[in-house]
């Protein structure tokens, strides 16, 4: 994640005190590093959670879920 993205997230989260941020990064070491970066800039009063997909990638998880719903 680049510094500009972190700055934009910090600005947004500062307006969300009392709110929640759900991180949908990959279920791997890089995803954990990015989640740590976001947690580090989150202001007090913003709940940051990181649900983990069953697979490595949230996109794949959503595709799998969608294909299950559309099968007869």
C-alpha atoms as a PDB file:
ATOM      1  CA  UNK A   1       0.000   0.000   0.000  1.00  0.00           C
ATOM      2  CA  UNK A   2       1.495   3.326  -0.954  1.00  0.00           C
ATOM      3  CA  UNK A   3       1.683   6.380   1.344  1.00  0.00           C
ATOM      4  CA  UNK A   4      -1.038   8.237  -0.582  1.00  0.00           C
ATOM      5  CA  UNK A   5      -3.469   5.366  -0.048  1.00  0.00           C
ATOM      6  CA  UNK A   6      -2.688   5.269   3.665  1.00  0.00           C
ATOM      7  CA  UNK A   7      -3.205   9.030   3.911  1.00  0.00           C
ATOM      8  CA  UNK A   8      -6.593   8.781   2.198  1.00  0.00           C
ATOM      9  CA  UNK A   9      -7.634   5.944   4.499  1.00  0.00           C
ATOM     10  CA  UNK A  10      -6.554   7.949   7.534  1.00  0.00           C
ATOM     11  CA  UNK A  11      -8.594  10.956   6.381  1.00  0.00           C
ATOM     12  CA  UNK A  12     -11.654   8.776   5.833  1.00  0.00           C
ATOM     13  CA  UNK A  13     -11.312   6.937   9.145  1.00  0.00           C
ATOM     14  CA  UNK A  14     -10.966  10.228  11.042  1.00  0.00           C
ATOM     15  CA  UNK A  15     -14.528  10.982   9.918  1.00  0.00           C
ATOM     16  CA  UNK A  16     -15.742   7.565  11.069  1.00  0.00           C
ATOM     17  CA  UNK A  17     -15.185   7.647  14.817  1.00  0.00           C
ATOM     18  CA  UNK A  18     -17.670   5.202  16.277  1.00  0.00           C
ATOM     19  CA  UNK A  19     -17.761   3.303  12.988  1.00  0.00           C
ATOM     20  CA  UNK A  20     -16.301   0.117  11.602  1.00  0.00           C
ATOM     21  CA  UNK A  21     -13.793  -0.715   8.873  1.00  0.00           C
ATOM     22  CA  UNK A  22     -13.734  -4.231   7.439  1.00  0.00           C
ATOM     23  CA  UNK A  23     -10.516  -5.140   5.651  1.00  0.00           C
ATOM     24  CA  UNK A  24     -10.749  -7.614   2.773  1.00  0.00           C
ATOM     25  CA  UNK A  25      -7.100  -8.257   2.049  1.00  0.00           C
ATOM     26  CA  UNK A  26      -5.723 -11.601   0.889  1.00  0.00           C
ATOM     27  CA  UNK A  27      -5.265 -14.350   3.453  1.00  0.00           C
ATOM     28  CA  UNK A  28      -1.465 -14.312   3.312  1.00  0.00           C
ATOM     29  CA  UNK A  29       1.549 -12.512   4.759  1.00  0.00           C
ATOM     30  CA  UNK A  30       1.177  -9.496   2.459  1.00  0.00           C
ATOM     31  CA  UNK A  31      -2.486  -9.181   3.432  1.00  0.00           C
ATOM     32  CA  UNK A  32      -1.524  -9.241   7.104  1.00  0.00           C
ATOM     33  CA  UNK A  33       1.125  -6.552   6.534  1.00  0.00           C
ATOM     34  CA  UNK A  34      -1.426  -4.285   4.859  1.00  0.00           C
ATOM     35  CA  UNK A  35      -3.927  -4.898   7.647  1.00  0.00           C
ATOM     36  CA  UNK A  36      -1.272  -3.969  10.212  1.00  0.00           C
ATOM     37  CA  UNK A  37      -0.609  -0.720   8.329  1.00  0.00           C
ATOM     38  CA  UNK A  38      -4.298   0.188   8.414  1.00  0.00           C
ATOM     39  CA  UNK A  39      -4.673  -0.757  12.092  1.00  0.00           C
ATOM     40  CA  UNK A  40      -1.678   1.450  12.906  1.00  0.00           C
ATOM     41  CA  UNK A  41      -3.318   4.561  11.437  1.00  0.00           C
ATOM     42  CA  UNK A  42      -6.852   3.905  12.678  1.00  0.00           C
ATOM     43  CA  UNK A  43      -7.945   6.521  15.193  1.00  0.00           C
ATOM     44  CA  UNK A  44      -9.261   5.501  18.574  1.00  0.00           C
ATOM     45  CA  UNK A  45     -12.960   4.802  18.311  1.00  0.00           C
ATOM     46  CA  UNK A  46     -12.813   3.132  14.895  1.00  0.00           C
ATOM     47  CA  UNK A  47     -13.252  -0.623  15.036  1.00  0.00           C
ATOM     48  CA  UNK A  48     -11.036  -2.345  12.447  1.00  0.00           C
ATOM     49  CA  UNK A  49     -11.759  -5.980  11.652  1.00  0.00           C
ATOM     50  CA  UNK A  50     -10.232  -8.374   9.177  1.00  0.00           C
ATOM     51  CA  UNK A  51     -12.442 -11.327   8.332  1.00  0.00           C
ATOM     52  CA  UNK A  52     -10.440 -14.004   6.544  1.00  0.00           C
ATOM     53  CA  UNK A  53     -11.628 -15.844   3.456  1.00  0.00           C
ATOM     54  CA  UNK A  54     -11.526 -19.644   3.449  1.00  0.00           C
ATOM     55  CA  UNK A  55      -9.239 -19.470   0.438  1.00  0.00           C
ATOM     56  CA  UNK A  56      -6.313 -17.086  -0.115  1.00  0.00           C
ATOM     57  CA  UNK A  57      -8.303 -14.498  -2.017  1.00  0.00           C
ATOM     58  CA  UNK A  58     -11.622 -12.726  -1.330  1.00  0.00           C
ATOM     59  CA  UNK A  59     -12.403 -12.460  -5.041  1.00  0.00           C
ATOM     60  CA  UNK A  60     -12.197 -16.229  -5.372  1.00  0.00           C
ATOM     61  CA  UNK A  61     -14.295 -16.651  -2.234  1.00  0.00           C
ATOM     62  CA  UNK A  62     -17.035 -14.458  -3.705  1.00  0.00           C
ATOM     63  CA  UNK A  63     -16.905 -16.253  -7.044  1.00  0.00           C
ATOM     64  CA  UNK A  64     -17.222 -19.614  -5.282  1.00  0.00           C
ATOM     65  CA  UNK A  65     -20.170 -18.370  -3.227  1.00  0.00           C
ATOM     66  CA  UNK A  66     -21.901 -16.944  -6.295  1.00  0.00           C
ATOM     67  CA  UNK A  67     -21.455 -20.127  -8.307  1.00  0.00           C
ATOM     68  CA  UNK A  68     -23.000 -22.167  -5.478  1.00  0.00           C
ATOM     69  CA  UNK A  69     -26.090 -19.943  -5.473  1.00  0.00           C
ATOM     70  CA  UNK A  70     -26.599 -20.099  -9.233  1.00  0.00           C
ATOM     71  CA  UNK A  71     -26.338 -23.883  -9.629  1.00  0.00           C
ATOM     72  CA  UNK A  72     -29.685 -25.713  -9.876  1.00  0.00           C
END
